[in-house]
Each structure stands twice: as C-alpha cells, then as structure tokens.
Amino acid sequence: MNYKRLLIPLLVLFSLSCKEPVVVFVDKIEGKRIPISDSLDNDSAIEAYIEPYRTHINKDLDSVLAYAVDTYSPRPEEGELETAIGNLMADVAFIQANPVFKKRTGKTVDMVLLNHGGIRAPISKGNISARVAYSVMPFDNSLVVVDLKGDQVNELVEYLAKSQRANPIAKLKLKLDEENEVVSALINGEPIDPEKNYFVATYDYLYNGGGNMTFFKTNDSLYELDYKMRNAMIDYFKKVDTIKPTKDGRFIKTLEQ
C-alpha cells in the first residue's frame, strides 16, 4: 500500500480542523422601509386567483336578509339606560340561543346580559345584509350560558345600576330611582329569588371578566353554545322580513318613590 497517498489527505484534514474559527462581527444592519399602499403594483396572477373567492364572499355579504324601517344607533343620546338597537341585540341573543340551550340541556335561558360597548355600528334604515351584522358585531364574541345563584344575579343588577350605561338586557326588567338605587328587578315578571338558580346568556368575553363583569367568573357552571353572536344576528335576519326594535321600558329611571 502507498502510505504517502493516504497520509497527505489526512494531514490536510488535520490542518483544517486545527484552524481557529473565523468570527464575523456585524456592527451595522441597514434596512429599507417599504410602505404598503396603493402605489405597490398588484400581482396579476394572485389577483386572478383570488378574484372568484372575493366575488363569492362579497355576494354573500351583500345579499339582502331583512329590512330596517328606521336607523338604530348605539349613541348615548339614543338612550341613557336603554336603546332600541341594544334591545334588539339582547332579544336576538335570547331568540337564537335559547333553542340551542334547551335542546342540549332541557333547560331554558332566564335572562340575557350583553355590553353596550360591543355594539360598534348603527343599523341604517333600508336593506340589511350580512355585512351589516359584521359591522355591528366585528368581534368573534360567542354566546354562552352561565348558571348563577340569585344573589349573584343581584350583584349583576347592582352592576347595571352603578354603571349607568345602556347595557342590553332581555327578560330582565330593571327600575332605578333618582339616586340610581334599584326600585325593582324582575326576571320574567318575578322578583329575583336569592336561593334560586338562573341561566344567564351572555358573551364569552363578558364571562371572562370583560367590562368588569366579575360576578360571572365566580361560577364555573358554564355552557358553551359554539354560536357566535354575529352568526346569531345573521340567522335572525334571515327569519324575519322587517325589524322595528323599540325602547320598551325594560331599563328605566323613575321619579316615583
């Protein structure tokens, strides 16, 4: 065997492995800001690919589902404690969630509480489309039902009295005096029983403490319906021809003692 031929490549490998590693220090990084704007050229191939999907989605979003006889706004001037659009939202939550809850549990929803801040746009007079539902409810809030004791429902009532906001409610009728003290609180026409359990429909966001509604989190009896409020609105609009919500006195302040 020719050992010289074998020895030479071994020596080369050994010499390379013994070299100190080369370390490169980067003391300056340069970048360029490219703003995303209409000035950027569109990729025609990508545009051609997504166009059918865009057309299909826009068609679904703009399809007429119902008609609003007036414009309904969540603005404060529409009502200090109650708004027509808030009543609509709470009623839709009850109408759409209750059958789902009853089918799964055999029980019924006793009342609904949502939050005024969750209504992000008005419903304008005229045709109502799915796009309207996305504008009013842009968040992915899902409907849940919480099992609350009567004393916890009383905490809920005190929260509403102190917050002085038009938080949407359904199946609960609340009356305050001039000092914002609770004069009466009725669920389905009956006074709240501290020893009774009530099933309250709300958003998962509120159950998790959103809006400082901490009274929800003290109870672990949660029923998830896997039903987004936005989808509940769309399903409701599909069922009705015309919407005409009103302020019906479910949350008022009275001068009576």
C-alpha atoms as a PDB file:
ATOM      1  CA  MET A   1       0.000   0.000   0.000  1.00  0.00           C
ATOM      2  CA  ASN A   2       1.186   3.530  -0.820  1.00  0.00           C
ATOM      3  CA  TYR A   3       1.030   5.181   2.641  1.00  0.00           C
ATOM      4  CA  LYS A   4       2.158   8.556   1.279  1.00  0.00           C
ATOM      5  CA  ARG A   5      -1.048   8.866  -0.746  1.00  0.00           C
ATOM      6  CA  LEU A   6      -3.113   8.151   2.375  1.00  0.00           C
ATOM      7  CA  LEU A   7      -1.070  10.398   4.642  1.00  0.00           C
ATOM      8  CA  ILE A   8      -1.339  13.568   2.550  1.00  0.00           C
ATOM      9  CA  PRO A   9      -5.156  13.979   2.686  1.00  0.00           C
ATOM     10  CA  LEU A  10      -5.141  13.129   6.398  1.00  0.00           C
ATOM     11  CA  LEU A  11      -2.623  15.884   7.053  1.00  0.00           C
ATOM     12  CA  VAL A  12      -4.768  18.336   5.091  1.00  0.00           C
ATOM     13  CA  LEU A  13      -7.874  17.468   7.118  1.00  0.00           C
ATOM     14  CA  PHE A  14      -5.944  17.736  10.374  1.00  0.00           C
ATOM     15  CA  SER A  15      -4.577  21.149   9.472  1.00  0.00           C
ATOM     16  CA  LEU A  16      -8.054  22.434   8.596  1.00  0.00           C
ATOM     17  CA  SER A  17      -9.570  21.162  11.851  1.00  0.00           C
ATOM     18  CA  CYS A  18      -6.877  22.884  13.888  1.00  0.00           C
ATOM     19  CA  LYS A  19      -7.562  26.327  12.487  1.00  0.00           C
ATOM     20  CA  GLU A  20      -9.271  28.878  14.702  1.00  0.00           C
ATOM     21  CA  PRO A  21     -12.908  29.503  13.657  1.00  0.00           C
ATOM     22  CA  VAL A  22     -13.477  32.722  11.789  1.00  0.00           C
ATOM     23  CA  VAL A  23     -15.867  35.032  13.711  1.00  0.00           C
ATOM     24  CA  VAL A  24     -17.523  37.858  11.818  1.00  0.00           C
ATOM     25  CA  PHE A  25     -18.937  40.731  13.879  1.00  0.00           C
ATOM     26  CA  VAL A  26     -21.848  42.699  12.375  1.00  0.00           C
ATOM     27  CA  ASP A  27     -21.854  46.224  13.702  1.00  0.00           C
ATOM     28  CA  LYS A  28     -24.374  47.710  11.298  1.00  0.00           C
ATOM     29  CA  ILE A  29     -27.632  46.485   9.781  1.00  0.00           C
ATOM     30  CA  GLU A  30     -29.321  48.532   7.132  1.00  0.00           C
ATOM     31  CA  GLY A  31     -32.968  48.186   6.213  1.00  0.00           C
ATOM     32  CA  LYS A  32     -35.414  49.854   3.928  1.00  0.00           C
ATOM     33  CA  ARG A  33     -38.992  50.683   4.808  1.00  0.00           C
ATOM     34  CA  ILE A  34     -41.462  49.760   2.096  1.00  0.00           C
ATOM     35  CA  PRO A  35     -44.914  51.164   2.935  1.00  0.00           C
ATOM     36  CA  ILE A  36     -47.901  49.072   1.889  1.00  0.00           C
ATOM     37  CA  SER A  37     -50.069  51.391  -0.156  1.00  0.00           C
ATOM     38  CA  ASP A  38     -51.928  51.666  -3.438  1.00  0.00           C
ATOM     39  CA  SER A  39     -48.643  52.590  -5.114  1.00  0.00           C
ATOM     40  CA  LEU A  40     -47.455  48.965  -4.917  1.00  0.00           C
ATOM     41  CA  ASP A  41     -48.014  47.012  -8.085  1.00  0.00           C
ATOM     42  CA  ASN A  42     -50.557  44.206  -7.925  1.00  0.00           C
ATOM     43  CA  ASP A  43     -49.510  40.718  -8.831  1.00  0.00           C
ATOM     44  CA  SER A  44     -51.856  39.878 -11.711  1.00  0.00           C
ATOM     45  CA  ALA A  45     -51.555  36.132 -11.167  1.00  0.00           C
ATOM     46  CA  ILE A  46     -52.501  36.418  -7.492  1.00  0.00           C
ATOM     47  CA  GLU A  47     -55.334  38.818  -8.303  1.00  0.00           C
ATOM     48  CA  ALA A  48     -56.709  36.422 -10.901  1.00  0.00           C
ATOM     49  CA  TYR A  49     -56.531  33.571  -8.394  1.00  0.00           C
ATOM     50  CA  ILE A  50     -58.393  35.314  -5.549  1.00  0.00           C
ATOM     51  CA  GLU A  51     -60.957  37.200  -7.668  1.00  0.00           C
ATOM     52  CA  PRO A  52     -63.547  34.356  -7.781  1.00  0.00           C
ATOM     53  CA  TYR A  53     -63.321  33.969  -3.999  1.00  0.00           C
ATOM     54  CA  ARG A  54     -63.648  37.720  -3.460  1.00  0.00           C
ATOM     55  CA  THR A  55     -66.694  37.850  -5.722  1.00  0.00           C
ATOM     56  CA  HIS A  56     -68.325  34.937  -3.897  1.00  0.00           C
ATOM     57  CA  ILE A  57     -67.691  36.406  -0.425  1.00  0.00           C
ATOM     58  CA  ASN A  58     -68.934  39.869  -1.427  1.00  0.00           C
ATOM     59  CA  LYS A  59     -72.074  38.326  -2.905  1.00  0.00           C
ATOM     60  CA  ASP A  60     -72.792  36.530   0.368  1.00  0.00           C
ATOM     61  CA  LEU A  61     -72.057  39.600   2.479  1.00  0.00           C
ATOM     62  CA  ASP A  62     -74.233  41.904   0.362  1.00  0.00           C
ATOM     63  CA  SER A  63     -77.238  39.618  -0.058  1.00  0.00           C
ATOM     64  CA  VAL A  64     -80.353  41.244   1.420  1.00  0.00           C
ATOM     65  CA  LEU A  65     -81.615  39.415   4.516  1.00  0.00           C
ATOM     66  CA  ALA A  66     -84.160  41.835   6.010  1.00  0.00           C
ATOM     67  CA  TYR A  67     -85.280  45.461   6.090  1.00  0.00           C
ATOM     68  CA  ALA A  68     -84.915  48.117   8.820  1.00  0.00           C
ATOM     69  CA  VAL A  69     -87.743  50.642   8.970  1.00  0.00           C
ATOM     70  CA  ASP A  70     -85.514  53.230  10.663  1.00  0.00           C
ATOM     71  CA  THR A  71     -81.899  53.874  11.679  1.00  0.00           C
ATOM     72  CA  TYR A  72     -80.944  52.414  15.051  1.00  0.00           C
ATOM     73  CA  SER A  73     -77.838  53.760  16.733  1.00  0.00           C
ATOM     74  CA  PRO A  74     -75.956  52.860  19.930  1.00  0.00           C
ATOM     75  CA  ARG A  75     -75.071  56.512  20.565  1.00  0.00           C
ATOM     76  CA  PRO A  76     -75.648  57.771  24.137  1.00  0.00           C
ATOM     77  CA  GLU A  77     -78.230  60.306  23.009  1.00  0.00           C
ATOM     78  CA  GLU A  78     -80.408  57.408  21.845  1.00  0.00           C
ATOM     79  CA  GLY A  79     -80.952  56.420  25.475  1.00  0.00           C
ATOM     80  CA  GLU A  80     -79.193  56.711  28.829  1.00  0.00           C
ATOM     81  CA  LEU A  81     -80.086  53.225  30.061  1.00  0.00           C
ATOM     82  CA  GLU A  82     -81.794  51.637  27.081  1.00  0.00           C
ATOM     83  CA  THR A  83     -81.519  51.812  23.288  1.00  0.00           C
ATOM     84  CA  ALA A  84     -83.627  50.231  20.574  1.00  0.00           C
ATOM     85  CA  ILE A  85     -80.587  48.571  18.979  1.00  0.00           C
ATOM     86  CA  GLY A  86     -79.494  47.259  22.380  1.00  0.00           C
ATOM     87  CA  ASN A  87     -82.932  45.731  22.946  1.00  0.00           C
ATOM     88  CA  LEU A  88     -82.700  44.149  19.511  1.00  0.00           C
ATOM     89  CA  MET A  89     -79.302  42.626  20.249  1.00  0.00           C
ATOM     90  CA  ALA A  90     -80.431  41.186  23.584  1.00  0.00           C
ATOM     91  CA  ASP A  91     -83.656  39.825  22.078  1.00  0.00           C
ATOM     92  CA  VAL A  92     -81.750  38.239  19.191  1.00  0.00           C
ATOM     93  CA  ALA A  93     -79.378  36.595  21.678  1.00  0.00           C
ATOM     94  CA  PHE A  94     -82.354  35.106  23.553  1.00  0.00           C
ATOM     95  CA  ILE A  95     -84.339  34.078  20.480  1.00  0.00           C
ATOM     96  CA  GLN A  96     -81.375  32.355  18.833  1.00  0.00           C
ATOM     97  CA  ALA A  97     -79.549  30.943  21.862  1.00  0.00           C
ATOM     98  CA  ASN A  98     -82.494  29.607  23.866  1.00  0.00           C
ATOM     99  CA  PRO A  99     -83.455  26.791  21.445  1.00  0.00           C
ATOM    100  CA  VAL A 100     -79.826  25.639  21.265  1.00  0.00           C
ATOM    101  CA  PHE A 101     -79.509  25.671  25.052  1.00  0.00           C
ATOM    102  CA  LYS A 102     -82.844  23.893  25.546  1.00  0.00           C
ATOM    103  CA  LYS A 103     -82.022  21.191  23.019  1.00  0.00           C
ATOM    104  CA  ARG A 104     -78.713  20.445  24.726  1.00  0.00           C
ATOM    105  CA  THR A 105     -79.768  20.710  28.363  1.00  0.00           C
ATOM    106  CA  GLY A 106     -83.560  20.586  28.553  1.00  0.00           C
ATOM    107  CA  LYS A 107     -83.432  23.952  30.360  1.00  0.00           C
ATOM    108  CA  THR A 108     -84.325  27.473  29.252  1.00  0.00           C
ATOM    109  CA  VAL A 109     -82.477  30.785  29.366  1.00  0.00           C
ATOM    110  CA  ASP A 110     -83.887  33.059  32.087  1.00  0.00           C
ATOM    111  CA  MET A 111     -82.304  36.352  31.006  1.00  0.00           C
ATOM    112  CA  VAL A 112     -79.694  37.958  28.762  1.00  0.00           C
ATOM    113  CA  LEU A 113     -76.969  40.485  29.521  1.00  0.00           C
ATOM    114  CA  LEU A 114     -74.683  41.931  26.844  1.00  0.00           C
ATOM    115  CA  ASN A 115     -72.470  45.029  26.833  1.00  0.00           C
ATOM    116  CA  HIS A 116     -73.212  48.378  25.244  1.00  0.00           C
ATOM    117  CA  GLY A 117     -69.614  48.749  24.033  1.00  0.00           C
ATOM    118  CA  GLY A 118     -69.946  45.618  21.927  1.00  0.00           C
ATOM    119  CA  ILE A 119     -72.292  47.411  19.510  1.00  0.00           C
ATOM    120  CA  ARG A 120     -69.831  49.032  17.125  1.00  0.00           C
ATOM    121  CA  ALA A 121     -72.050  50.498  14.385  1.00  0.00           C
ATOM    122  CA  PRO A 122     -75.666  51.519  13.762  1.00  0.00           C
ATOM    123  CA  ILE A 123     -78.183  49.630  11.686  1.00  0.00           C
ATOM    124  CA  SER A 124     -79.180  52.082   8.982  1.00  0.00           C
ATOM    125  CA  LYS A 125     -82.636  52.389   7.511  1.00  0.00           C
ATOM    126  CA  GLY A 126     -83.068  50.159   4.481  1.00  0.00           C
ATOM    127  CA  ASN A 127     -81.875  46.734   3.442  1.00  0.00           C
ATOM    128  CA  ILE A 128     -79.983  44.651   5.967  1.00  0.00           C
ATOM    129  CA  SER A 129     -77.225  42.347   4.727  1.00  0.00           C
ATOM    130  CA  ALA A 130     -74.748  40.038   6.406  1.00  0.00           C
ATOM    131  CA  ARG A 131     -72.216  42.850   6.058  1.00  0.00           C
ATOM    132  CA  VAL A 132     -74.350  44.890   8.468  1.00  0.00           C
ATOM    133  CA  ALA A 133     -74.006  42.140  11.080  1.00  0.00           C
ATOM    134  CA  TYR A 134     -70.223  42.212  10.652  1.00  0.00           C
ATOM    135  CA  SER A 135     -70.230  45.996  11.103  1.00  0.00           C
ATOM    136  CA  VAL A 136     -72.401  45.959  14.213  1.00  0.00           C
ATOM    137  CA  MET A 137     -70.572  42.976  15.731  1.00  0.00           C
ATOM    138  CA  PRO A 138     -66.997  42.856  14.342  1.00  0.00           C
ATOM    139  CA  PHE A 139     -65.746  40.771  17.276  1.00  0.00           C
ATOM    140  CA  ASP A 140     -65.809  36.973  17.460  1.00  0.00           C
ATOM    141  CA  ASN A 141     -67.875  37.001  20.646  1.00  0.00           C
ATOM    142  CA  SER A 142     -69.630  33.683  21.234  1.00  0.00           C
ATOM    143  CA  LEU A 143     -72.828  33.168  23.193  1.00  0.00           C
ATOM    144  CA  VAL A 144     -72.560  31.214  26.431  1.00  0.00           C
ATOM    145  CA  VAL A 145     -74.986  30.477  29.259  1.00  0.00           C
ATOM    146  CA  VAL A 146     -73.907  30.852  32.892  1.00  0.00           C
ATOM    147  CA  ASP A 147     -75.701  29.251  35.836  1.00  0.00           C
ATOM    148  CA  LEU A 148     -75.908  31.952  38.530  1.00  0.00           C
ATOM    149  CA  LYS A 149     -77.369  31.932  42.015  1.00  0.00           C
ATOM    150  CA  GLY A 150     -79.967  34.592  42.770  1.00  0.00           C
ATOM    151  CA  ASP A 151     -77.556  36.526  44.975  1.00  0.00           C
ATOM    152  CA  GLN A 152     -75.107  36.659  42.066  1.00  0.00           C
ATOM    153  CA  VAL A 153     -77.901  37.946  39.818  1.00  0.00           C
ATOM    154  CA  ASN A 154     -78.454  40.672  42.410  1.00  0.00           C
ATOM    155  CA  GLU A 155     -74.760  41.568  42.011  1.00  0.00           C
ATOM    156  CA  LEU A 156     -75.414  41.764  38.274  1.00  0.00           C
ATOM    157  CA  VAL A 157     -78.336  44.119  38.900  1.00  0.00           C
ATOM    158  CA  GLU A 158     -76.219  46.341  41.165  1.00  0.00           C
ATOM    159  CA  TYR A 159     -73.551  46.449  38.456  1.00  0.00           C
ATOM    160  CA  LEU A 160     -76.123  47.678  35.926  1.00  0.00           C
ATOM    161  CA  ALA A 161     -77.415  50.297  38.344  1.00  0.00           C
ATOM    162  CA  LYS A 162     -73.937  51.657  39.055  1.00  0.00           C
ATOM    163  CA  SER A 163     -72.566  51.513  35.504  1.00  0.00           C
ATOM    164  CA  GLN A 164     -75.280  53.841  34.163  1.00  0.00           C
ATOM    165  CA  ARG A 165     -74.807  52.502  30.659  1.00  0.00           C
ATOM    166  CA  ALA A 166     -77.310  51.102  28.195  1.00  0.00           C
ATOM    167  CA  ASN A 167     -76.047  47.538  28.517  1.00  0.00           C
ATOM    168  CA  PRO A 168     -78.524  45.381  26.574  1.00  0.00           C
ATOM    169  CA  ILE A 169     -80.775  43.111  28.638  1.00  0.00           C
ATOM    170  CA  ALA A 170     -83.655  40.747  27.863  1.00  0.00           C
ATOM    171  CA  LYS A 171     -86.167  39.035  30.177  1.00  0.00           C
ATOM    172  CA  LEU A 172     -84.923  41.315  32.972  1.00  0.00           C
ATOM    173  CA  LYS A 173     -86.878  44.466  33.804  1.00  0.00           C
ATOM    174  CA  LEU A 174     -84.995  46.963  35.917  1.00  0.00           C
ATOM    175  CA  LYS A 175     -86.202  50.190  37.507  1.00  0.00           C
ATOM    176  CA  LEU A 176     -83.989  52.734  39.318  1.00  0.00           C
ATOM    177  CA  ASP A 177     -84.816  55.829  41.357  1.00  0.00           C
ATOM    178  CA  GLU A 178     -83.241  59.287  41.021  1.00  0.00           C
ATOM    179  CA  GLU A 179     -80.309  58.190  43.174  1.00  0.00           C
ATOM    180  CA  ASN A 180     -79.688  55.186  40.916  1.00  0.00           C
ATOM    181  CA  GLU A 181     -80.849  52.796  43.608  1.00  0.00           C
ATOM    182  CA  VAL A 182     -82.740  49.703  42.489  1.00  0.00           C
ATOM    183  CA  VAL A 183     -86.507  50.129  42.912  1.00  0.00           C
ATOM    184  CA  SER A 184     -87.413  46.794  41.333  1.00  0.00           C
ATOM    185  CA  ALA A 185     -85.740  43.996  39.399  1.00  0.00           C
ATOM    186  CA  LEU A 186     -87.901  41.349  37.772  1.00  0.00           C
ATOM    187  CA  ILE A 187     -86.971  38.294  35.720  1.00  0.00           C
ATOM    188  CA  ASN A 188     -89.880  37.138  33.599  1.00  0.00           C
ATOM    189  CA  GLY A 189     -92.161  39.251  35.803  1.00  0.00           C
ATOM    190  CA  GLU A 190     -90.995  37.738  39.089  1.00  0.00           C
ATOM    191  CA  PRO A 191     -88.720  39.181  41.824  1.00  0.00           C
ATOM    192  CA  ILE A 192     -85.251  37.670  41.980  1.00  0.00           C
ATOM    193  CA  ASP A 193     -85.078  34.775  44.451  1.00  0.00           C
ATOM    194  CA  PRO A 194     -81.635  34.692  46.160  1.00  0.00           C
ATOM    195  CA  GLU A 195     -81.898  30.901  46.580  1.00  0.00           C
ATOM    196  CA  LYS A 196     -82.898  30.160  43.001  1.00  0.00           C
ATOM    197  CA  ASN A 197     -80.543  29.433  40.091  1.00  0.00           C
ATOM    198  CA  TYR A 198     -80.854  31.472  36.912  1.00  0.00           C
ATOM    199  CA  PHE A 199     -79.454  30.720  33.469  1.00  0.00           C
ATOM    200  CA  VAL A 200     -77.986  33.916  32.042  1.00  0.00           C
ATOM    201  CA  ALA A 201     -76.969  34.172  28.376  1.00  0.00           C
ATOM    202  CA  THR A 202     -74.018  36.443  27.662  1.00  0.00           C
ATOM    203  CA  TYR A 203     -70.775  36.683  25.673  1.00  0.00           C
ATOM    204  CA  ASP A 204     -67.741  34.551  26.442  1.00  0.00           C
ATOM    205  CA  TYR A 205     -65.826  37.853  26.587  1.00  0.00           C
ATOM    206  CA  LEU A 206     -68.001  39.095  29.445  1.00  0.00           C
ATOM    207  CA  TYR A 207     -67.902  35.755  31.250  1.00  0.00           C
ATOM    208  CA  ASN A 208     -64.122  36.042  31.264  1.00  0.00           C
ATOM    209  CA  GLY A 209     -64.270  39.404  33.043  1.00  0.00           C
ATOM    210  CA  GLY A 210     -64.672  41.820  30.144  1.00  0.00           C
ATOM    211  CA  GLY A 211     -66.438  45.046  31.058  1.00  0.00           C
ATOM    212  CA  ASN A 212     -65.518  44.363  34.718  1.00  0.00           C
ATOM    213  CA  MET A 213     -68.393  41.885  34.954  1.00  0.00           C
ATOM    214  CA  THR A 214     -66.613  39.872  37.610  1.00  0.00           C
ATOM    215  CA  PHE A 215     -69.825  38.375  39.014  1.00  0.00           C
ATOM    216  CA  PHE A 216     -69.823  35.870  36.138  1.00  0.00           C
ATOM    217  CA  LYS A 217     -66.436  34.358  36.923  1.00  0.00           C
ATOM    218  CA  THR A 218     -67.417  33.330  40.446  1.00  0.00           C
ATOM    219  CA  ASN A 219     -69.414  30.461  38.972  1.00  0.00           C
ATOM    220  CA  ASP A 220     -67.930  27.600  36.944  1.00  0.00           C
ATOM    221  CA  SER A 221     -71.264  26.332  35.605  1.00  0.00           C
ATOM    222  CA  LEU A 222     -70.676  27.429  32.026  1.00  0.00           C
ATOM    223  CA  TYR A 223     -72.477  26.145  28.938  1.00  0.00           C
ATOM    224  CA  GLU A 224     -70.715  26.918  25.668  1.00  0.00           C
ATOM    225  CA  LEU A 225     -73.092  27.044  22.710  1.00  0.00           C
ATOM    226  CA  ASP A 226     -70.468  27.317  19.945  1.00  0.00           C
ATOM    227  CA  TYR A 227     -72.579  30.096  18.451  1.00  0.00           C
ATOM    228  CA  LYS A 228     -71.102  33.477  17.578  1.00  0.00           C
ATOM    229  CA  MET A 229     -73.321  36.489  18.184  1.00  0.00           C
ATOM    230  CA  ARG A 230     -72.659  37.686  14.657  1.00  0.00           C
ATOM    231  CA  ASN A 231     -73.978  34.395  13.260  1.00  0.00           C
ATOM    232  CA  ALA A 232     -76.978  34.614  15.572  1.00  0.00           C
ATOM    233  CA  MET A 233     -77.761  38.033  14.085  1.00  0.00           C
ATOM    234  CA  ILE A 234     -77.467  36.728  10.530  1.00  0.00           C
ATOM    235  CA  ASP A 235     -79.703  33.736  11.320  1.00  0.00           C
ATOM    236  CA  TYR A 236     -82.264  36.047  12.917  1.00  0.00           C
ATOM    237  CA  PHE A 237     -82.268  38.457   9.975  1.00  0.00           C
ATOM    238  CA  LYS A 238     -82.883  35.526   7.631  1.00  0.00           C
ATOM    239  CA  LYS A 239     -86.005  34.577   9.588  1.00  0.00           C
ATOM    240  CA  VAL A 240     -87.651  37.988   9.718  1.00  0.00           C
ATOM    241  CA  ASP A 241     -88.783  40.250   6.935  1.00  0.00           C
ATOM    242  CA  THR A 242     -88.608  43.551   8.806  1.00  0.00           C
ATOM    243  CA  ILE A 243     -87.021  44.776  12.030  1.00  0.00           C
ATOM    244  CA  LYS A 244     -88.536  47.565  14.103  1.00  0.00           C
ATOM    245  CA  PRO A 245     -86.970  47.481  17.588  1.00  0.00           C
ATOM    246  CA  THR A 246     -88.155  49.935  20.234  1.00  0.00           C
ATOM    247  CA  LYS A 247     -87.313  51.154  23.710  1.00  0.00           C
ATOM    248  CA  ASP A 248     -89.908  49.299  25.764  1.00  0.00           C
ATOM    249  CA  GLY A 249     -89.022  50.378  29.300  1.00  0.00           C
ATOM    250  CA  ARG A 250     -87.062  47.318  30.331  1.00  0.00           C
ATOM    251  CA  PHE A 251     -84.366  49.505  31.959  1.00  0.00           C
ATOM    252  CA  ILE A 252     -85.606  52.865  33.205  1.00  0.00           C
ATOM    253  CA  LYS A 253     -85.183  55.524  35.860  1.00  0.00           C
ATOM    254  CA  THR A 254     -88.310  56.645  37.620  1.00  0.00           C
ATOM    255  CA  LEU A 255     -89.279  59.674  39.755  1.00  0.00           C
ATOM    256  CA  GLU A 256     -91.587  57.507  41.845  1.00  0.00           C
ATOM    257  CA  GLN A 257     -90.542  56.616  45.354  1.00  0.00           C
END
